[in-house]
N, C-alpha and C. Protein backbone atom coordinates (compact mmCIF):
# COMPACT_ATOMS: atom_id res chain seq x y z
N MET A 1 92.53 -53.26 15.39
CA MET A 1 92.65 -52.24 15.97
C MET A 1 91.84 -52.02 17.11
N ILE A 2 92.33 -51.80 18.36
CA ILE A 2 91.33 -51.38 19.44
C ILE A 2 91.69 -49.73 20.17
N PHE A 3 90.70 -49.16 20.22
CA PHE A 3 90.60 -47.75 20.88
C PHE A 3 90.68 -47.59 22.30
N SER A 4 91.20 -47.04 23.05
CA SER A 4 91.22 -47.05 24.53
C SER A 4 89.80 -46.27 24.80
N ASN A 5 89.54 -45.27 24.16
CA ASN A 5 88.00 -44.83 24.30
C ASN A 5 87.79 -43.84 23.36
N ARG A 6 86.43 -43.33 23.36
CA ARG A 6 86.17 -42.43 22.44
C ARG A 6 86.79 -41.18 22.10
N GLU A 7 87.45 -40.51 23.27
CA GLU A 7 88.25 -39.49 23.06
C GLU A 7 89.39 -39.74 22.19
N LYS A 8 90.02 -40.64 22.53
CA LYS A 8 91.38 -40.99 21.74
C LYS A 8 91.11 -41.37 20.31
N ALA A 9 89.80 -42.16 20.00
CA ALA A 9 89.47 -42.58 18.75
C ALA A 9 89.37 -41.26 17.99
N GLY A 10 88.60 -40.31 18.64
CA GLY A 10 88.21 -39.02 18.04
C GLY A 10 89.45 -38.18 17.44
N LYS A 11 90.46 -38.22 18.54
CA LYS A 11 91.73 -37.52 17.97
C LYS A 11 92.55 -38.39 16.81
N ILE A 12 92.56 -39.61 16.96
CA ILE A 12 93.08 -40.36 15.58
C ILE A 12 92.44 -40.19 14.40
N LEU A 13 91.14 -39.99 14.64
CA LEU A 13 90.04 -39.94 13.33
C LEU A 13 90.39 -38.55 12.82
N GLY A 14 90.40 -37.56 13.97
CA GLY A 14 90.41 -36.16 13.31
C GLY A 14 91.72 -35.79 12.81
N ALA A 15 92.89 -36.53 13.08
CA ALA A 15 94.14 -36.30 12.31
C ALA A 15 93.87 -36.94 10.77
N LYS A 16 93.28 -38.11 10.81
CA LYS A 16 93.01 -38.51 9.35
C LYS A 16 92.38 -37.55 8.74
N VAL A 17 91.17 -37.36 8.84
CA VAL A 17 90.28 -36.40 8.55
C VAL A 17 90.94 -34.92 7.87
N LYS A 18 91.91 -34.80 8.89
CA LYS A 18 92.73 -33.35 8.41
C LYS A 18 93.63 -33.82 7.45
N GLU A 19 94.29 -34.94 7.43
CA GLU A 19 95.39 -35.37 6.17
C GLU A 19 94.61 -35.50 5.03
N LYS A 20 93.33 -35.88 5.01
CA LYS A 20 92.36 -35.90 3.77
C LYS A 20 92.14 -34.47 3.11
N GLY A 21 92.74 -33.54 3.81
CA GLY A 21 92.50 -31.94 3.40
C GLY A 21 91.14 -31.34 3.97
N TYR A 22 90.43 -31.80 4.64
CA TYR A 22 89.44 -31.23 5.35
C TYR A 22 89.72 -30.29 6.45
N GLY A 23 89.45 -29.05 6.66
CA GLY A 23 89.72 -28.06 7.69
C GLY A 23 88.52 -27.37 8.10
N LYS A 24 89.16 -26.08 8.54
CA LYS A 24 88.03 -25.04 9.39
C LYS A 24 86.66 -24.77 8.40
N ASP A 25 86.79 -25.01 7.29
CA ASP A 25 85.53 -24.46 6.51
C ASP A 25 84.49 -25.75 6.52
N SER A 26 84.89 -26.56 7.26
CA SER A 26 83.97 -27.84 7.49
C SER A 26 83.07 -27.58 8.25
N LEU A 27 81.74 -28.53 8.76
CA LEU A 27 81.06 -28.31 9.53
C LEU A 27 80.93 -29.71 10.29
N VAL A 28 81.31 -30.21 11.34
CA VAL A 28 81.02 -31.54 11.91
C VAL A 28 79.95 -31.76 12.68
N LEU A 29 79.02 -32.73 12.33
CA LEU A 29 77.97 -33.25 13.06
C LEU A 29 78.01 -34.67 13.76
N GLY A 30 78.09 -34.35 15.01
CA GLY A 30 78.05 -35.62 15.83
C GLY A 30 76.75 -36.29 16.20
N ILE A 31 76.68 -37.56 16.03
CA ILE A 31 75.62 -38.34 16.27
C ILE A 31 75.48 -38.66 17.96
N PRO A 32 74.49 -38.23 18.99
CA PRO A 32 74.24 -38.52 20.01
C PRO A 32 74.24 -40.02 20.25
N ARG A 33 74.71 -40.72 21.54
CA ARG A 33 75.19 -39.81 22.11
C ARG A 33 76.92 -39.97 22.13
N GLY A 34 77.42 -41.11 22.15
CA GLY A 34 78.67 -41.64 22.02
C GLY A 34 79.42 -40.70 20.69
N GLY A 35 78.75 -40.64 19.83
CA GLY A 35 79.35 -40.10 18.72
C GLY A 35 79.62 -38.44 18.71
N VAL A 36 79.20 -37.79 19.54
CA VAL A 36 79.38 -36.49 19.98
C VAL A 36 80.78 -36.23 20.59
N VAL A 37 80.83 -37.23 21.48
CA VAL A 37 82.10 -37.34 22.16
C VAL A 37 83.56 -37.41 21.03
N VAL A 38 83.41 -38.32 20.13
CA VAL A 38 84.26 -38.37 19.14
C VAL A 38 84.26 -37.27 18.20
N ALA A 39 83.00 -36.57 17.70
CA ALA A 39 83.01 -35.44 16.91
C ALA A 39 83.65 -34.38 17.51
N LYS A 40 83.37 -34.23 18.87
CA LYS A 40 84.13 -33.04 19.40
C LYS A 40 85.55 -33.09 19.19
N GLU A 41 86.34 -34.22 19.31
CA GLU A 41 87.75 -34.18 19.04
C GLU A 41 87.95 -33.88 17.85
N VAL A 42 87.41 -34.51 16.69
CA VAL A 42 87.51 -34.28 15.19
C VAL A 42 87.39 -32.45 14.82
N ALA A 43 86.47 -32.16 15.59
CA ALA A 43 86.04 -30.59 15.34
C ALA A 43 87.48 -29.79 15.78
N LYS A 44 87.91 -30.14 16.94
CA LYS A 44 88.89 -29.61 17.68
C LYS A 44 90.26 -29.52 16.76
N ILE A 45 90.56 -30.76 16.17
CA ILE A 45 91.89 -30.86 15.36
C ILE A 45 91.52 -30.15 14.08
N LEU A 46 90.34 -29.99 13.36
CA LEU A 46 90.06 -29.17 12.17
C LEU A 46 89.87 -27.89 12.45
N LYS A 47 89.72 -27.43 13.75
CA LYS A 47 89.44 -25.94 14.17
C LYS A 47 88.17 -25.55 13.35
N CYS A 48 86.97 -26.42 13.23
CA CYS A 48 85.91 -26.11 12.55
C CYS A 48 84.81 -26.08 13.69
N GLU A 49 83.61 -25.74 12.84
CA GLU A 49 82.07 -25.74 13.64
C GLU A 49 81.63 -27.30 13.93
N LEU A 50 81.02 -27.32 15.13
CA LEU A 50 80.56 -28.56 15.49
C LEU A 50 79.26 -28.57 16.03
N ASP A 51 78.48 -29.39 15.49
CA ASP A 51 76.89 -29.32 16.02
C ASP A 51 76.59 -31.12 15.96
N ILE A 52 75.25 -31.15 16.17
CA ILE A 52 74.67 -32.45 16.37
C ILE A 52 73.42 -32.67 15.36
N ILE A 53 73.33 -34.09 15.15
CA ILE A 53 72.17 -34.51 14.34
C ILE A 53 71.49 -35.86 15.04
N ILE A 54 70.25 -35.78 15.19
CA ILE A 54 69.82 -36.93 16.21
C ILE A 54 68.77 -38.14 15.33
N PRO A 55 69.55 -38.87 14.44
CA PRO A 55 68.93 -40.02 14.02
C PRO A 55 68.87 -41.04 14.94
N ARG A 56 67.65 -41.81 14.93
CA ARG A 56 67.52 -43.04 15.84
C ARG A 56 67.41 -44.31 15.02
N LYS A 57 67.96 -45.48 15.61
CA LYS A 57 67.70 -46.87 14.87
C LYS A 57 66.21 -47.22 15.16
N LEU A 58 65.55 -48.14 14.20
CA LEU A 58 64.29 -48.67 14.25
C LEU A 58 64.36 -49.99 14.89
N ARG A 59 64.19 -50.34 15.99
CA ARG A 59 64.74 -51.61 16.62
C ARG A 59 63.72 -52.80 16.28
N SER A 60 64.32 -54.00 15.87
CA SER A 60 63.56 -55.38 15.64
C SER A 60 62.67 -55.76 16.88
N PRO A 61 61.69 -56.43 16.54
CA PRO A 61 60.72 -56.59 17.65
C PRO A 61 61.36 -57.68 18.56
N PHE A 62 62.05 -58.49 18.04
CA PHE A 62 62.69 -59.59 19.24
C PHE A 62 64.10 -59.42 19.69
N ASN A 63 64.69 -58.47 18.79
CA ASN A 63 66.30 -58.11 19.14
C ASN A 63 66.42 -56.55 19.18
N PRO A 64 66.36 -55.85 20.13
CA PRO A 64 66.29 -54.32 20.14
C PRO A 64 67.64 -53.92 19.52
N GLU A 65 68.86 -54.87 19.41
CA GLU A 65 69.87 -54.41 18.94
C GLU A 65 70.12 -54.49 17.52
N LEU A 66 69.12 -55.02 16.83
CA LEU A 66 69.42 -55.27 15.49
C LEU A 66 68.14 -54.12 14.72
N ALA A 67 68.72 -53.46 14.02
CA ALA A 67 68.02 -52.29 13.53
C ALA A 67 67.41 -52.65 12.12
N PHE A 68 66.24 -52.56 11.79
CA PHE A 68 65.81 -52.64 10.68
C PHE A 68 65.37 -51.49 9.68
N GLY A 69 66.01 -50.51 10.23
CA GLY A 69 65.92 -49.16 9.82
C GLY A 69 66.20 -47.82 10.83
N ALA A 70 65.89 -46.57 10.46
CA ALA A 70 66.44 -45.52 11.07
C ALA A 70 65.68 -44.21 10.72
N ILE A 71 65.32 -43.26 11.60
CA ILE A 71 64.73 -42.19 11.44
C ILE A 71 65.55 -41.03 11.81
N SER A 72 65.27 -39.79 11.38
CA SER A 72 65.97 -38.55 11.88
C SER A 72 65.04 -37.56 12.19
N ASP A 73 65.59 -36.50 12.90
CA ASP A 73 65.09 -35.44 13.54
C ASP A 73 64.14 -34.71 12.66
N ASP A 74 64.17 -34.72 11.32
CA ASP A 74 63.35 -34.12 10.12
C ASP A 74 62.25 -35.19 9.56
N ASP A 75 62.40 -36.41 10.24
CA ASP A 75 61.54 -37.50 9.45
C ASP A 75 62.09 -38.20 8.34
N SER A 76 63.32 -37.77 8.26
CA SER A 76 64.24 -38.52 7.03
C SER A 76 64.30 -40.23 7.37
N LEU A 77 63.70 -41.01 6.74
CA LEU A 77 63.57 -42.52 6.95
C LEU A 77 64.27 -43.42 6.06
N VAL A 78 64.79 -44.30 6.83
CA VAL A 78 65.64 -45.66 6.04
C VAL A 78 65.05 -46.89 6.50
N ILE A 79 64.81 -47.75 5.72
CA ILE A 79 64.05 -49.00 6.16
C ILE A 79 64.83 -50.08 5.18
N ASP A 80 65.35 -51.17 5.83
CA ASP A 80 65.86 -52.17 5.27
C ASP A 80 64.79 -53.13 4.84
N GLU A 81 64.34 -53.21 3.68
CA GLU A 81 62.91 -53.87 3.23
C GLU A 81 63.21 -55.56 3.25
N SER A 82 64.33 -56.00 2.90
CA SER A 82 64.94 -57.32 2.93
C SER A 82 64.63 -57.68 4.62
N LEU A 83 65.23 -56.88 5.46
CA LEU A 83 65.12 -57.68 6.81
C LEU A 83 63.75 -57.48 7.45
N VAL A 84 62.90 -56.37 6.95
CA VAL A 84 61.60 -56.36 7.44
C VAL A 84 60.85 -57.75 6.92
N SER A 85 61.13 -57.91 5.71
CA SER A 85 60.61 -59.53 4.96
C SER A 85 60.85 -60.45 5.63
N LEU A 86 62.16 -60.65 5.92
CA LEU A 86 62.79 -62.01 6.55
C LEU A 86 62.34 -62.12 8.06
N LEU A 87 62.04 -60.99 8.79
CA LEU A 87 61.80 -60.86 10.12
C LEU A 87 60.21 -60.93 10.12
N ASN A 88 59.55 -60.61 9.02
CA ASN A 88 58.15 -60.43 9.04
C ASN A 88 57.75 -59.59 10.07
N ILE A 89 57.88 -58.29 9.76
CA ILE A 89 57.78 -57.27 10.59
C ILE A 89 56.53 -56.69 10.13
N SER A 90 55.34 -56.36 11.06
CA SER A 90 54.32 -55.91 10.51
C SER A 90 54.61 -54.43 10.15
N GLN A 91 53.51 -53.65 9.28
CA GLN A 91 53.52 -52.22 9.08
C GLN A 91 53.03 -51.51 10.48
N GLU A 92 52.15 -52.26 11.26
CA GLU A 92 51.77 -51.75 12.50
C GLU A 92 53.02 -51.63 13.50
N PHE A 93 53.88 -52.42 13.40
CA PHE A 93 54.90 -52.44 14.60
C PHE A 93 56.06 -51.20 13.94
N ILE A 94 56.22 -51.24 12.63
CA ILE A 94 56.87 -50.14 12.05
C ILE A 94 56.50 -48.79 12.57
N GLU A 95 55.21 -48.38 12.47
CA GLU A 95 54.66 -47.39 12.60
C GLU A 95 54.70 -46.92 14.11
N GLN A 96 54.52 -48.03 14.84
CA GLN A 96 54.72 -47.66 16.38
C GLN A 96 56.20 -47.53 16.83
N GLU A 97 57.21 -48.13 16.19
CA GLU A 97 58.44 -47.94 16.59
C GLU A 97 59.15 -46.75 16.20
N LYS A 98 58.43 -46.17 14.95
CA LYS A 98 58.91 -44.78 14.41
C LYS A 98 58.12 -43.68 15.45
N LYS A 99 56.93 -43.96 15.97
CA LYS A 99 56.57 -42.94 16.81
C LYS A 99 57.53 -42.90 18.11
N THR A 100 57.95 -44.17 18.57
CA THR A 100 58.47 -44.39 19.77
C THR A 100 60.06 -43.40 19.56
N GLN A 101 60.41 -43.54 18.44
CA GLN A 101 61.81 -43.26 18.23
C GLN A 101 61.70 -41.47 18.21
N LEU A 102 60.87 -40.92 17.22
CA LEU A 102 60.58 -39.76 17.23
C LEU A 102 60.34 -39.18 18.53
N LYS A 103 59.60 -39.81 19.55
CA LYS A 103 59.19 -39.09 20.69
C LYS A 103 60.72 -39.21 21.58
N GLU A 104 61.55 -40.13 21.50
CA GLU A 104 62.76 -40.22 21.87
C GLU A 104 63.58 -39.02 21.25
N ILE A 105 63.69 -38.68 20.05
CA ILE A 105 64.31 -37.60 19.38
C ILE A 105 63.73 -36.41 19.90
N ASN A 106 62.54 -36.07 20.12
CA ASN A 106 61.90 -34.91 20.62
C ASN A 106 62.38 -34.76 21.95
N ARG A 107 62.39 -36.02 22.96
CA ARG A 107 62.82 -35.65 24.12
C ARG A 107 64.45 -35.17 24.30
N ARG A 108 65.30 -35.86 23.50
CA ARG A 108 66.58 -35.35 23.53
C ARG A 108 66.78 -33.81 22.97
N ARG A 109 66.20 -33.40 22.03
CA ARG A 109 66.04 -32.12 21.65
C ARG A 109 65.80 -30.98 22.51
N LYS A 110 64.78 -31.38 23.53
CA LYS A 110 64.23 -30.72 24.69
C LYS A 110 65.28 -30.46 25.62
N LYS A 111 65.83 -31.76 25.87
CA LYS A 111 66.90 -32.07 26.95
C LYS A 111 68.20 -31.24 26.51
N TYR A 112 68.43 -31.32 25.23
CA TYR A 112 69.93 -30.68 24.66
C TYR A 112 69.35 -29.17 24.43
N ASN A 113 68.09 -28.65 24.61
CA ASN A 113 67.90 -27.13 24.32
C ASN A 113 68.20 -26.92 22.90
N MET A 114 67.79 -27.65 21.95
CA MET A 114 68.02 -27.32 20.54
C MET A 114 66.79 -26.77 20.12
N ASP A 115 67.06 -25.34 19.51
CA ASP A 115 66.02 -24.62 19.01
C ASP A 115 65.82 -24.55 17.58
N LYS A 116 66.67 -25.42 17.03
CA LYS A 116 66.51 -25.51 15.55
C LYS A 116 66.82 -26.82 15.06
N LEU A 117 66.37 -27.57 13.79
CA LEU A 117 66.65 -28.76 13.66
C LEU A 117 68.10 -28.95 13.15
N LEU A 118 68.75 -28.27 12.21
CA LEU A 118 70.10 -28.29 11.95
C LEU A 118 70.75 -26.89 11.65
N PRO A 119 71.95 -26.56 11.78
CA PRO A 119 72.55 -25.50 11.30
C PRO A 119 72.60 -25.26 9.82
N ASP A 120 72.65 -24.07 9.24
CA ASP A 120 72.62 -23.77 7.74
C ASP A 120 74.22 -24.52 7.45
N MET A 121 74.00 -25.38 6.17
CA MET A 121 74.96 -26.07 5.57
C MET A 121 74.93 -25.94 4.27
N LYS A 122 74.31 -25.21 3.71
CA LYS A 122 74.14 -24.90 2.16
C LYS A 122 75.84 -24.57 1.55
N GLY A 123 76.23 -25.25 0.69
CA GLY A 123 77.50 -24.80 0.11
C GLY A 123 78.81 -25.55 1.01
N LYS A 124 78.51 -26.09 2.03
CA LYS A 124 79.53 -26.44 3.09
C LYS A 124 79.69 -27.86 2.91
N THR A 125 81.07 -28.26 3.46
CA THR A 125 81.45 -29.60 3.54
C THR A 125 81.26 -30.13 4.92
N VAL A 126 80.12 -31.09 5.04
CA VAL A 126 79.54 -31.52 6.31
C VAL A 126 80.20 -32.99 6.54
N ILE A 127 80.76 -33.09 7.57
CA ILE A 127 81.41 -34.41 8.16
C ILE A 127 80.50 -35.00 9.29
N LEU A 128 79.86 -36.00 8.72
CA LEU A 128 78.99 -36.77 9.93
C LEU A 128 80.01 -37.74 10.83
N VAL A 129 79.94 -37.51 12.11
CA VAL A 129 80.90 -38.62 12.96
C VAL A 129 79.66 -39.33 13.94
N ASP A 130 80.31 -40.51 14.07
CA ASP A 130 79.65 -41.42 15.20
C ASP A 130 80.84 -42.11 15.76
N ASP A 131 80.66 -43.18 16.73
CA ASP A 131 81.80 -43.87 17.40
C ASP A 131 82.00 -45.04 16.84
N GLY A 132 80.96 -45.46 15.95
CA GLY A 132 81.19 -46.77 15.09
C GLY A 132 79.82 -46.88 14.31
N ILE A 133 80.02 -47.95 13.24
CA ILE A 133 78.87 -48.28 12.71
C ILE A 133 78.70 -49.60 12.47
N ALA A 134 77.68 -50.31 12.79
CA ALA A 134 77.16 -51.59 12.50
C ALA A 134 76.52 -51.85 11.15
N THR A 135 75.12 -51.69 11.20
CA THR A 135 74.39 -51.79 10.09
C THR A 135 74.35 -50.53 8.98
N GLY A 136 74.72 -49.48 9.64
CA GLY A 136 74.65 -48.09 8.83
C GLY A 136 73.53 -47.36 8.86
N ALA A 137 72.34 -47.90 9.31
CA ALA A 137 71.13 -47.45 9.34
C ALA A 137 70.90 -46.12 9.71
N THR A 138 71.32 -45.84 10.78
CA THR A 138 71.29 -44.57 11.75
C THR A 138 72.07 -43.65 10.93
N MET A 139 73.48 -43.89 10.51
CA MET A 139 74.02 -42.75 9.66
C MET A 139 73.42 -42.63 8.25
N LYS A 140 72.79 -43.65 7.59
CA LYS A 140 72.19 -43.33 6.52
C LYS A 140 71.13 -42.40 6.52
N ALA A 141 70.22 -42.60 7.83
CA ALA A 141 69.33 -41.53 8.13
C ALA A 141 69.67 -39.92 8.00
N GLY A 142 70.71 -40.00 8.88
CA GLY A 142 71.49 -38.76 8.88
C GLY A 142 72.05 -38.29 7.85
N VAL A 143 72.51 -38.98 6.66
CA VAL A 143 73.21 -38.66 5.48
C VAL A 143 71.91 -37.85 4.76
N ILE A 144 70.67 -38.69 4.65
CA ILE A 144 69.72 -38.15 4.04
C ILE A 144 68.89 -37.13 4.40
N SER A 145 69.05 -36.72 5.70
CA SER A 145 68.70 -35.62 6.18
C SER A 145 69.45 -34.55 5.92
N VAL A 146 70.79 -34.87 5.93
CA VAL A 146 71.64 -33.61 5.45
C VAL A 146 71.48 -33.16 4.23
N LYS A 147 71.39 -34.35 3.16
CA LYS A 147 71.29 -34.05 1.75
C LYS A 147 70.31 -32.60 1.60
N LYS A 148 69.14 -32.95 2.17
CA LYS A 148 67.97 -32.17 1.94
C LYS A 148 68.54 -30.32 2.25
N LYS A 149 69.74 -30.20 2.80
CA LYS A 149 70.22 -29.08 3.32
C LYS A 149 71.19 -28.26 2.23
N LYS A 150 71.32 -29.06 1.23
CA LYS A 150 72.17 -28.78 -0.12
C LYS A 150 73.73 -28.49 0.30
N PRO A 151 74.26 -29.34 1.07
CA PRO A 151 75.92 -28.98 1.21
C PRO A 151 76.60 -29.41 -0.08
N GLU A 152 77.62 -28.82 0.24
CA GLU A 152 78.83 -28.90 -1.21
C GLU A 152 79.18 -30.55 -1.10
N LYS A 153 79.76 -30.92 0.00
CA LYS A 153 79.81 -32.40 0.28
C LYS A 153 79.38 -33.14 1.23
N ILE A 154 79.31 -33.99 1.51
CA ILE A 154 78.78 -35.13 2.57
C ILE A 154 79.83 -36.09 2.73
N ILE A 155 80.48 -36.08 4.18
CA ILE A 155 81.65 -36.78 4.32
C ILE A 155 81.17 -37.60 5.56
N VAL A 156 81.45 -39.04 5.64
CA VAL A 156 81.19 -39.77 6.94
C VAL A 156 82.70 -40.14 7.54
N ALA A 157 82.75 -39.86 8.75
CA ALA A 157 83.91 -40.14 9.54
C ALA A 157 83.66 -40.96 10.77
N ILE A 158 84.19 -42.26 10.87
CA ILE A 158 84.17 -43.01 11.89
C ILE A 158 85.39 -43.77 12.20
N PRO A 159 85.58 -44.23 13.64
CA PRO A 159 86.91 -44.85 13.93
C PRO A 159 86.74 -46.56 13.39
N VAL A 160 85.60 -47.16 13.59
CA VAL A 160 85.34 -48.51 13.15
C VAL A 160 84.07 -48.56 12.48
N ALA A 161 83.92 -49.70 11.51
CA ALA A 161 82.56 -49.85 10.92
C ALA A 161 82.59 -51.23 10.14
N SER A 162 81.60 -51.77 9.92
CA SER A 162 81.64 -53.10 9.19
C SER A 162 81.79 -52.79 7.94
N PRO A 163 82.64 -53.59 7.31
CA PRO A 163 82.88 -53.45 5.91
C PRO A 163 81.70 -53.30 4.93
N GLN A 164 80.47 -53.85 5.09
CA GLN A 164 79.35 -53.75 4.23
C GLN A 164 78.85 -52.38 4.39
N SER A 165 78.81 -51.92 5.72
CA SER A 165 78.29 -50.60 5.76
C SER A 165 79.20 -49.55 5.30
N VAL A 166 80.45 -49.64 5.22
CA VAL A 166 81.41 -48.57 4.70
C VAL A 166 80.96 -48.59 3.02
N GLU A 167 80.70 -49.69 2.46
CA GLU A 167 80.59 -49.98 1.10
C GLU A 167 79.17 -49.34 0.67
N GLU A 168 78.32 -49.61 1.52
CA GLU A 168 76.82 -48.98 1.16
C GLU A 168 76.98 -47.48 1.55
N LEU A 169 77.62 -46.75 2.32
CA LEU A 169 77.60 -45.50 2.71
C LEU A 169 78.53 -44.68 1.57
N LYS A 170 79.45 -45.30 1.04
CA LYS A 170 80.17 -45.01 -0.17
C LYS A 170 79.00 -44.37 -1.25
N GLU A 171 78.01 -45.09 -1.30
CA GLU A 171 77.30 -45.05 -2.62
C GLU A 171 76.31 -43.77 -2.50
N ILE A 172 76.16 -43.39 -1.17
CA ILE A 172 75.27 -42.08 -0.98
C ILE A 172 76.11 -41.03 -0.33
N THR A 173 77.48 -40.95 -0.33
CA THR A 173 78.28 -39.92 0.33
C THR A 173 79.35 -39.49 -0.67
N ASP A 174 79.92 -38.39 -0.39
CA ASP A 174 81.12 -38.20 -1.17
C ASP A 174 82.57 -38.85 -0.96
N GLU A 175 82.65 -39.05 0.50
CA GLU A 175 83.87 -40.01 0.96
C GLU A 175 83.53 -40.44 2.10
N VAL A 176 83.89 -41.88 2.50
CA VAL A 176 83.73 -42.39 3.72
C VAL A 176 85.17 -42.50 4.44
N ILE A 177 85.64 -41.90 5.57
CA ILE A 177 86.68 -41.93 6.12
C ILE A 177 86.52 -42.98 7.35
N CYS A 178 87.07 -44.15 7.22
CA CYS A 178 87.01 -45.07 8.34
C CYS A 178 88.31 -45.73 8.64
N LEU A 179 88.58 -45.75 10.15
CA LEU A 179 90.14 -46.19 10.55
C LEU A 179 90.22 -47.39 10.21
N TYR A 180 89.04 -48.50 10.82
CA TYR A 180 89.20 -49.95 10.76
C TYR A 180 87.82 -50.52 10.28
N ALA A 181 87.90 -51.21 9.45
CA ALA A 181 86.75 -52.09 9.03
C ALA A 181 86.96 -53.51 9.01
N PRO A 182 86.98 -54.21 10.03
CA PRO A 182 87.47 -55.48 10.13
C PRO A 182 86.28 -56.41 9.54
N SER A 183 86.81 -57.53 9.20
CA SER A 183 85.83 -58.44 8.40
C SER A 183 85.08 -59.31 9.49
N TYR A 184 85.49 -59.40 10.74
CA TYR A 184 84.85 -60.17 11.86
C TYR A 184 84.44 -58.82 12.59
N PHE A 185 83.15 -58.44 12.73
CA PHE A 185 82.54 -57.52 13.20
C PHE A 185 80.97 -57.84 13.77
N VAL A 186 80.83 -57.85 15.13
CA VAL A 186 79.77 -58.07 16.01
C VAL A 186 79.28 -56.89 16.49
N ALA A 187 79.83 -56.02 17.20
CA ALA A 187 79.31 -54.61 17.79
C ALA A 187 80.38 -53.64 17.95
N VAL A 188 80.01 -52.61 17.80
CA VAL A 188 81.11 -51.49 18.05
C VAL A 188 81.97 -51.59 19.45
N GLY A 189 81.26 -51.76 20.37
CA GLY A 189 82.03 -51.94 21.58
C GLY A 189 82.91 -52.84 21.61
N GLN A 190 83.26 -54.04 20.76
CA GLN A 190 84.34 -54.55 20.77
C GLN A 190 85.81 -54.11 20.66
N PHE A 191 85.75 -52.88 19.76
CA PHE A 191 86.83 -52.18 19.34
C PHE A 191 87.22 -50.99 20.22
N TYR A 192 86.72 -51.21 21.46
CA TYR A 192 87.08 -50.04 22.44
C TYR A 192 87.38 -50.92 24.06
N THR A 193 88.46 -50.50 24.48
CA THR A 193 88.75 -50.75 25.87
C THR A 193 87.85 -50.35 26.82
N GLU A 194 87.51 -48.89 26.74
CA GLU A 194 86.47 -48.27 27.50
C GLU A 194 85.39 -47.72 26.61
N PHE A 195 84.19 -48.46 27.02
CA PHE A 195 82.97 -48.17 26.10
C PHE A 195 81.63 -48.05 26.80
N SER A 196 81.95 -47.08 27.92
CA SER A 196 80.70 -46.96 28.83
C SER A 196 79.72 -45.93 28.13
N GLN A 197 78.29 -46.22 28.36
CA GLN A 197 77.38 -45.16 27.80
C GLN A 197 77.69 -43.88 27.96
N THR A 198 77.66 -42.92 26.98
CA THR A 198 77.69 -41.49 27.25
C THR A 198 76.38 -40.96 27.78
N SER A 199 76.34 -40.11 28.79
CA SER A 199 75.07 -39.65 29.29
C SER A 199 74.62 -38.43 28.64
N ASP A 200 73.17 -38.05 28.62
CA ASP A 200 72.81 -36.96 28.15
C ASP A 200 73.54 -35.67 28.79
N ASP A 201 73.83 -35.66 30.03
CA ASP A 201 74.72 -34.55 30.69
C ASP A 201 76.05 -34.09 30.14
N GLU A 202 76.57 -35.26 29.51
CA GLU A 202 78.05 -35.26 28.76
C GLU A 202 77.67 -34.41 27.58
N VAL A 203 76.61 -34.96 26.76
CA VAL A 203 76.27 -34.19 25.71
C VAL A 203 76.07 -32.72 25.78
N ILE A 204 75.15 -32.49 26.95
CA ILE A 204 74.98 -31.32 27.29
C ILE A 204 75.88 -30.11 27.56
N GLU A 205 76.91 -31.04 28.07
CA GLU A 205 78.09 -30.15 28.39
C GLU A 205 78.93 -29.79 27.28
N ILE A 206 78.98 -30.57 26.43
CA ILE A 206 79.57 -30.41 24.97
C ILE A 206 79.00 -29.29 24.21
N LEU A 207 77.57 -29.30 24.28
CA LEU A 207 76.70 -28.20 23.80
C LEU A 207 76.83 -26.77 24.18
N LYS A 208 76.94 -26.75 25.51
CA LYS A 208 77.11 -25.56 26.31
C LYS A 208 78.48 -24.78 25.64
N LYS A 209 79.60 -25.83 25.38
CA LYS A 209 80.75 -24.95 24.87
C LYS A 209 80.85 -24.80 23.75
N ILE A 210 80.03 -25.46 22.85
CA ILE A 210 79.61 -25.09 21.34
C ILE A 210 79.17 -23.76 21.21
N SER A 211 77.89 -23.59 22.23
CA SER A 211 77.24 -22.40 22.25
C SER A 211 78.01 -21.11 22.67
N LYS A 212 78.64 -21.46 23.75
CA LYS A 212 79.64 -20.42 24.33
C LYS A 212 80.59 -19.93 23.12
N ARG A 213 81.24 -20.74 22.53
CA ARG A 213 82.15 -20.44 21.25
C ARG A 213 81.37 -19.61 20.30
N LYS A 214 80.17 -19.94 19.99
CA LYS A 214 79.16 -19.19 18.83
C LYS A 214 79.05 -17.98 19.22
N ARG A 215 78.82 -17.76 20.42
CA ARG A 215 78.37 -16.24 20.95
C ARG A 215 79.87 -15.47 20.99
N GLU A 216 80.89 -16.03 21.38
CA GLU A 216 82.22 -15.28 21.44
C GLU A 216 82.31 -14.85 20.01
N LYS A 217 82.09 -15.80 18.82
CA LYS A 217 82.65 -15.60 17.56
C LYS A 217 81.67 -14.67 17.13
N PHE A 218 80.38 -14.49 17.66
CA PHE A 218 79.28 -13.55 16.81
C PHE A 218 79.77 -12.21 17.67
N ILE A 219 80.04 -12.11 18.80
CA ILE A 219 80.54 -10.97 19.56
C ILE A 219 82.10 -10.25 18.74
N LYS A 220 82.97 -11.05 18.39
CA LYS A 220 84.14 -10.82 17.69
C LYS A 220 83.81 -9.98 16.37
N ASN A 221 82.86 -10.85 15.61
CA ASN A 221 82.62 -10.45 14.52
C ASN A 221 81.94 -9.38 14.28
N ASN A 222 81.19 -8.92 15.16
CA ASN A 222 80.10 -7.54 15.23
C ASN A 222 81.21 -6.46 15.74
N LYS A 223 81.99 -6.93 16.57
CA LYS A 223 83.15 -5.79 16.97
C LYS A 223 83.80 -5.27 15.80
N GLN A 224 84.18 -6.19 15.00
CA GLN A 224 84.88 -5.92 13.77
C GLN A 224 84.19 -5.10 12.83
N LYS A 225 82.78 -5.14 12.88
CA LYS A 225 82.09 -4.17 11.76
C LYS A 225 81.73 -3.01 12.24
N ILE A 226 81.82 -2.59 13.64
CA ILE A 226 81.77 -1.36 14.21
C ILE A 226 82.98 -0.31 13.77
């Protein structure tokens, strides 16, 4: 299965999530940057609230594309101890990489004008969305972060993922909705015809639309109370 782009993947994924029975009472959280584009389409179909969460992968010293863990905006941490041991990654390097990624998280929070860590999600069904999953470390950090907020259910929804990551995520979530989990998996980009990097400006534009809808909803609700 090859997706033409993130928007199309999001529409197909959104239809699948809706088919599973999730709808307007859910909260969709997109992972920047590409995951926000997919999440936007999912939230449109479900007609539900959309926001973002910012976990970042911890990069291996000799191969930045290989993650040995991940960290989220509230310091939720995932470490693959077996990979750390195999690559002989020092504690000093781990601490430095954590600082580097937390700095990037803070940069994005300021860039995206985020005034709080996460929206209220107590008792809600929370659906975490990305454009794809390789190792699963980034998504796991996101899941751990969300669990602290005591939602009723945690769902992970992605267009494509490695089979191993899907199985591992099933162990820490209520459900994983994945359109395609091929046995031969090298990188997420191989399953997209168009997979250019999503810019901060694109994410900001989506967030502006979210803020506008929230303001309109607030005004509407308060008019009804008068």
